[in-house]
Amino acid sequence: MNTTDPISNTLFEDLRQAPMATVREAIRSGAYQGHTAGIGLGRLQGNLAILPADYALDFFRFCQRNPKPCPLVGVSDTGDPMLHTLGDDIDIRRDVPLYNIYRDGQLDGQTPDITDLWRDDLVAFVLGCSFTFEQALMAEGIRLAHIEENKTVAMYRTTIQTQAAGPFRGPVVVSMRPMRPPESIRAAVITARFPHAHGAPIHIGDPAAIGIPNLATPDWGDPPALADDQVPVFWACGVTPQAAVQEAKPPLCITHAPGAMLITDVPEQGPGN
C-alpha cells in the first residue's frame, strides 16, 4: 500500500467524503488499493480470512475461542463469493483494496483481485475491525494521527497467546493508537460499546508488558510517533488470524492486507442494527 504517492493521497481524501457506492467502485476497479481507516464512515469494516473448507470448522472454533481479536461478523457459504449477510452486492473476490496470499503459511504475494484464485471449496470469514469505532472516537474529539497523516495504523505481535483450535494458534496481534492519558480512558469507555469491533483496549501503557520491545518497529503498518504527553493504547487486532495461519500452514489462505479492510453495508453498531 503506497500511502506516500500523491495520487493515492488525493484519492484517499476524496473517498473520505464519498458515498459508499463510489468507495466500493474505487476499490472494486482496483483504482484504490490503500488502507480504509477513515473511509466508509458509519459502516462496519471487517478483517478477512478465506480458507479451504477442510480448515473452515477449526478456524470457526478459533474465532469462537478468541472473540476479542477475532469477533466473527460474517461467514460465506462454501464456494459462494457473495457475502449476503453483510450487503446486497459484496463480492469478496474484488471488494477488498488489497489481499495477502499465503501458501503453506508463507506470504506468497499481494493482489487487488482474487477472482482467478477463487475455488468452489473456499469459505470466507469476516471479522470485525477496530477501524469501525474510529468515527466514534473522532466524534468525541479524540484525534487519530494515522488518519490525519494517511498512514496505516501500527500493529504488533504480543506475548499474549490465543486459545488454540486444531492447527490454529499463535500470538494475539494488537493495533496501537497514541493518546493522552485522559483520552485513553474516554476511548476505553467509547470502544467498549463495539464488542463486534474488538471492544475496549486490552492494554494501556508500557508495551514491554505485552512483549513489544520497540514501538518504532511495528510488525505491520507504519511506525507511530508518540508525543511526550501521550501513552500507547492497544486494541486486539484482526490481523491475529494471519499469525495463526503462519502456524497452521494451510495450502492456501487469502486475507486482507493489513489496514486494507472490507467495508460492509452493515451499520457500525453491528449486525442487527
Protein backbone atom coordinates (compact mmCIF):
# COMPACT_ATOMS: atom_id res chain seq x y z
CA MET A 1 0.00 0.00 0.00
CA ASN A 2 1.65 3.18 -1.15
CA THR A 3 0.23 5.92 1.07
CA THR A 4 3.02 8.34 0.14
CA ASP A 5 2.07 8.54 -3.54
CA PRO A 6 0.37 11.93 -4.23
CA ILE A 7 -2.31 10.29 -6.37
CA SER A 8 -3.11 7.79 -3.60
CA ASN A 9 -3.26 10.60 -1.04
CA THR A 10 -5.63 12.63 -3.22
CA LEU A 11 -7.92 9.65 -3.80
CA PHE A 12 -7.91 8.82 -0.08
CA GLU A 13 -9.08 12.34 0.78
CA ASP A 14 -11.76 12.18 -1.92
CA LEU A 15 -13.03 8.81 -0.69
CA ARG A 16 -13.27 10.00 2.92
CA GLN A 17 -16.14 12.26 1.78
CA ALA A 18 -17.61 9.99 -0.91
CA PRO A 19 -20.83 7.92 -0.78
CA MET A 20 -20.41 4.19 -0.27
CA ALA A 21 -21.21 3.36 -3.91
CA THR A 22 -18.26 5.49 -5.04
CA VAL A 23 -15.97 3.94 -2.43
CA ARG A 24 -16.90 0.41 -3.45
CA GLU A 25 -16.39 1.13 -7.14
CA ALA A 26 -12.95 2.63 -6.50
CA ILE A 27 -11.95 -0.49 -4.58
CA ARG A 28 -13.61 -2.98 -6.93
CA SER A 29 -12.00 -1.42 -10.01
CA GLY A 30 -8.55 -1.51 -8.41
CA ALA A 31 -8.25 2.29 -8.51
CA TYR A 32 -7.80 2.40 -4.73
CA GLN A 33 -5.55 -0.16 -3.01
CA GLY A 34 -4.76 1.69 0.21
CA HIS A 35 -5.88 1.50 3.83
CA THR A 36 -9.53 2.07 4.73
CA ALA A 37 -9.19 3.96 8.03
CA GLY A 38 -11.45 6.98 7.78
CA ILE A 39 -13.29 5.71 4.69
CA GLY A 40 -16.87 4.43 4.65
CA LEU A 41 -17.74 6.17 7.89
CA GLY A 42 -20.75 4.72 9.65
CA ARG A 43 -20.18 1.26 8.12
CA LEU A 44 -18.84 -1.87 9.78
CA GLN A 45 -15.37 -2.72 8.50
CA GLY A 46 -14.04 -6.27 8.52
CA ASN A 47 -10.85 -8.29 8.50
CA LEU A 48 -10.82 -11.21 6.08
CA ALA A 49 -9.69 -14.82 6.13
CA ILE A 50 -10.52 -17.20 3.26
CA LEU A 51 -9.71 -20.87 3.75
CA PRO A 52 -10.39 -24.25 2.13
CA ALA A 53 -13.43 -25.99 3.61
CA ASP A 54 -11.20 -28.64 5.22
CA TYR A 55 -9.87 -25.93 7.54
CA ALA A 56 -13.07 -23.93 7.98
CA LEU A 57 -14.50 -25.67 11.07
CA ASP A 58 -11.27 -25.40 13.03
CA PHE A 59 -10.99 -21.73 12.10
CA PHE A 60 -14.59 -21.17 13.18
CA ARG A 61 -13.71 -22.71 16.55
CA PHE A 62 -10.61 -20.50 16.72
CA CYS A 63 -12.79 -17.40 16.31
CA GLN A 64 -15.27 -18.60 18.93
CA ARG A 65 -12.48 -19.21 21.44
CA ASN A 66 -10.83 -15.86 20.77
CA PRO A 67 -13.68 -13.34 20.39
CA LYS A 68 -11.62 -10.30 21.39
CA PRO A 69 -9.13 -10.45 18.45
CA CYS A 70 -11.49 -12.46 16.21
CA PRO A 71 -15.07 -11.15 16.52
CA LEU A 72 -16.84 -13.09 13.79
CA VAL A 73 -19.45 -11.00 11.93
CA GLY A 74 -19.95 -12.97 8.71
CA VAL A 75 -19.28 -16.33 7.03
CA SER A 76 -19.90 -17.17 3.39
CA ASP A 77 -21.44 -20.34 2.06
CA THR A 78 -18.83 -22.76 0.75
CA GLY A 79 -17.81 -21.72 -2.75
CA ASP A 80 -20.01 -18.60 -2.77
CA PRO A 81 -18.01 -15.34 -3.04
CA MET A 82 -21.02 -13.16 -2.22
CA LEU A 83 -21.36 -12.01 1.40
CA HIS A 84 -25.16 -11.94 1.52
CA THR A 85 -25.44 -11.17 5.25
CA LEU A 86 -23.14 -8.12 5.04
CA GLY A 87 -24.53 -6.33 1.97
CA ASP A 88 -26.63 -6.56 -1.16
CA ASP A 89 -23.70 -6.79 -3.58
CA ILE A 90 -20.47 -7.60 -1.73
CA ASP A 91 -18.17 -9.76 -3.81
CA ILE A 92 -15.34 -10.94 -1.58
CA ARG A 93 -13.14 -11.53 -4.64
CA ARG A 94 -12.96 -7.84 -5.56
CA ASP A 95 -14.24 -5.67 -2.71
CA VAL A 96 -11.11 -5.56 -0.54
CA PRO A 97 -8.48 -2.98 -1.62
CA LEU A 98 -5.55 -5.41 -1.35
CA TYR A 99 -5.25 -9.10 -0.48
CA ASN A 100 -2.43 -11.13 1.05
CA ILE A 101 -1.95 -14.60 -0.42
CA TYR A 102 -0.50 -17.24 1.91
CA ARG A 103 0.64 -20.67 0.72
CA ASP A 104 1.65 -23.26 3.30
CA GLY A 105 1.75 -20.50 5.90
CA GLN A 106 4.11 -18.22 3.97
CA LEU A 107 3.18 -14.90 2.40
CA ASP A 108 3.35 -15.51 -1.36
CA GLY A 109 2.25 -12.13 -2.70
CA GLN A 110 -0.42 -9.45 -2.83
CA THR A 111 -3.15 -8.68 -5.34
CA PRO A 112 -6.15 -6.31 -5.60
CA ASP A 113 -8.36 -9.04 -7.14
CA ILE A 114 -8.64 -12.75 -6.27
CA THR A 115 -11.16 -13.75 -8.95
CA ASP A 116 -8.62 -16.08 -10.58
CA LEU A 117 -7.84 -17.71 -7.21
CA TRP A 118 -11.43 -18.39 -6.17
CA ARG A 119 -12.42 -22.06 -5.86
CA ASP A 120 -15.58 -23.99 -5.10
CA ASP A 121 -14.19 -25.24 -1.77
CA LEU A 122 -13.34 -21.83 -0.26
CA VAL A 123 -15.07 -20.27 2.75
CA ALA A 124 -14.75 -16.56 3.58
CA PHE A 125 -14.74 -15.35 7.19
CA VAL A 126 -15.20 -11.67 8.06
CA LEU A 127 -14.08 -10.44 11.49
CA GLY A 128 -14.94 -7.07 12.98
CA CYS A 129 -12.26 -4.36 12.75
CA SER A 130 -11.23 -1.53 15.06
CA PHE A 131 -11.47 0.93 12.16
CA THR A 132 -15.23 0.68 12.78
CA PHE A 133 -15.10 2.57 16.09
CA GLU A 134 -12.71 5.30 14.95
CA GLN A 135 -15.51 7.61 13.82
CA ALA A 136 -16.98 7.42 17.34
CA LEU A 137 -13.60 8.37 18.81
CA MET A 138 -13.16 11.30 16.42
CA ALA A 139 -16.72 12.47 17.11
CA GLU A 140 -15.71 12.80 20.76
CA GLY A 141 -12.72 14.95 19.85
CA ILE A 142 -10.06 12.23 20.09
CA ARG A 143 -7.56 12.81 17.30
CA LEU A 144 -6.19 9.80 15.42
CA ALA A 145 -2.80 10.56 13.91
CA HIS A 146 -2.79 7.71 11.39
CA ILE A 147 -5.97 9.03 9.75
CA GLU A 148 -4.83 12.65 9.78
CA GLU A 149 -1.50 11.63 8.22
CA ASN A 150 -2.94 9.00 5.82
CA LYS A 151 -0.92 6.17 7.36
CA THR A 152 -1.69 2.57 8.23
CA VAL A 153 -2.19 2.05 11.96
CA ALA A 154 0.75 0.31 13.68
CA MET A 155 0.24 -3.38 14.55
CA TYR A 156 2.36 -5.66 16.72
CA ARG A 157 2.68 -9.29 17.75
CA THR A 158 2.44 -9.71 21.52
CA THR A 159 3.37 -12.42 24.01
CA ILE A 160 -0.34 -12.91 24.79
CA GLN A 161 -1.34 -16.28 23.37
CA THR A 162 -4.64 -17.20 21.72
CA GLN A 163 -6.65 -20.28 22.62
CA ALA A 164 -5.75 -22.93 20.04
CA ALA A 165 -8.27 -24.72 17.81
CA GLY A 166 -6.94 -27.55 15.67
CA PRO A 167 -3.85 -26.23 13.86
CA PHE A 168 -4.71 -22.58 14.53
CA ARG A 169 -2.75 -20.97 17.38
CA GLY A 170 -0.27 -18.17 18.00
CA PRO A 171 0.05 -14.68 19.48
CA VAL A 172 -2.60 -12.02 19.80
CA VAL A 173 -1.83 -9.12 17.45
CA VAL A 174 -2.68 -5.59 18.62
CA SER A 175 -3.19 -2.24 16.93
CA MET A 176 -1.88 0.87 18.71
CA ARG A 177 -3.12 4.45 18.83
CA PRO A 178 -1.24 7.09 20.84
CA MET A 179 -3.39 9.23 23.16
CA ARG A 180 -3.10 11.48 26.16
CA PRO A 181 -4.00 9.59 29.39
CA PRO A 182 -7.43 11.24 29.84
CA GLU A 183 -8.26 10.42 26.20
CA SER A 184 -7.26 6.79 26.72
CA ILE A 185 -9.85 6.41 29.49
CA ARG A 186 -12.55 8.02 27.38
CA ALA A 187 -11.54 5.83 24.43
CA ALA A 188 -11.88 2.70 26.55
CA VAL A 189 -15.43 3.66 27.52
CA ILE A 190 -16.39 4.54 23.93
CA THR A 191 -14.93 1.43 22.29
CA ALA A 192 -16.45 -0.91 24.88
CA ARG A 193 -19.72 -0.23 23.03
CA PHE A 194 -18.30 -2.01 19.95
CA PRO A 195 -17.72 -5.66 21.00
CA HIS A 196 -18.07 -6.74 17.36
CA ALA A 197 -15.06 -4.48 16.58
CA HIS A 198 -12.69 -5.67 19.35
CA GLY A 199 -14.30 -3.59 22.11
CA ALA A 200 -12.22 -1.85 24.78
CA PRO A 201 -8.41 -1.81 24.74
CA ILE A 202 -6.59 -4.83 26.13
CA HIS A 203 -3.63 -2.80 27.38
CA ILE A 204 -2.66 0.83 28.03
CA GLY A 205 0.89 1.90 28.74
CA ASP A 206 4.21 0.01 28.82
CA PRO A 207 4.49 -2.02 25.57
CA ALA A 208 7.09 -4.31 27.13
CA ALA A 209 4.39 -5.65 29.47
CA ILE A 210 2.78 -7.39 26.49
CA GLY A 211 6.03 -8.33 24.78
CA ILE A 212 6.53 -5.42 22.38
CA PRO A 213 10.21 -4.40 22.51
CA ASN A 214 10.10 -1.30 20.30
CA LEU A 215 7.10 0.73 19.16
CA ALA A 216 9.17 2.20 16.33
CA THR A 217 9.29 -1.16 14.52
CA PRO A 218 5.72 -2.45 14.12
CA ASP A 219 5.17 -5.87 12.55
CA TRP A 220 2.59 -4.31 10.22
CA GLY A 221 1.64 -0.74 9.40
CA ASP A 222 3.57 2.50 9.69
CA PRO A 223 5.83 3.48 12.60
CA PRO A 224 3.91 5.73 15.01
CA ALA A 225 5.06 8.93 16.68
CA LEU A 226 4.26 9.39 20.37
CA ALA A 227 4.32 12.87 21.85
CA ASP A 228 5.76 13.33 25.33
CA ASP A 229 2.27 13.67 26.81
CA GLN A 230 0.88 10.54 25.13
CA VAL A 231 0.67 6.86 26.08
CA PRO A 232 0.24 3.88 23.74
CA VAL A 233 -3.25 2.35 23.74
CA PHE A 234 -3.55 -1.20 22.42
CA TRP A 235 -6.60 -2.93 20.96
CA ALA A 236 -6.86 -6.59 19.96
CA CYS A 237 -6.49 -6.76 16.18
CA GLY A 238 -8.00 -8.83 13.40
CA VAL A 239 -4.54 -9.47 11.93
CA THR A 240 -4.29 -12.14 14.66
CA PRO A 241 -5.57 -14.84 12.24
CA GLN A 242 -2.68 -14.08 9.86
CA ALA A 243 -0.26 -15.03 12.63
CA ALA A 244 -2.34 -18.17 13.27
CA VAL A 245 -2.28 -19.05 9.56
CA GLN A 246 1.51 -18.99 9.67
CA GLU A 247 1.28 -21.65 12.41
CA ALA A 248 -1.45 -23.73 10.75
CA LYS A 249 0.18 -23.70 7.29
CA PRO A 250 -2.92 -24.38 5.16
CA PRO A 251 -2.11 -24.92 1.47
CA LEU A 252 -3.95 -21.67 0.66
CA CYS A 253 -5.24 -18.80 2.76
CA ILE A 254 -6.29 -15.38 1.46
CA THR A 255 -6.54 -12.44 3.85
CA HIS A 256 -6.80 -8.67 3.64
CA ALA A 257 -3.51 -6.80 3.52
CA PRO A 258 -3.20 -5.24 6.99
CA GLY A 259 -5.09 -1.94 7.02
CA ALA A 260 -7.00 -2.68 3.78
CA MET A 261 -10.38 -3.82 5.05
CA LEU A 262 -13.69 -4.95 3.65
CA ILE A 263 -16.22 -2.13 4.12
CA THR A 264 -19.64 -3.71 4.57
CA ASP A 265 -23.15 -2.28 4.24
CA VAL A 266 -23.80 -3.05 7.93
CA PRO A 267 -24.13 -0.05 10.32
CA GLU A 268 -21.11 0.46 12.54
CA GLN A 269 -23.18 -0.62 15.57
CA GLY A 270 -23.02 -4.14 14.16
CA PRO A 271 -25.26 -6.79 12.57
CA GLY A 272 -28.92 -6.47 13.50
CA ASN A 273 -28.76 -2.67 13.95
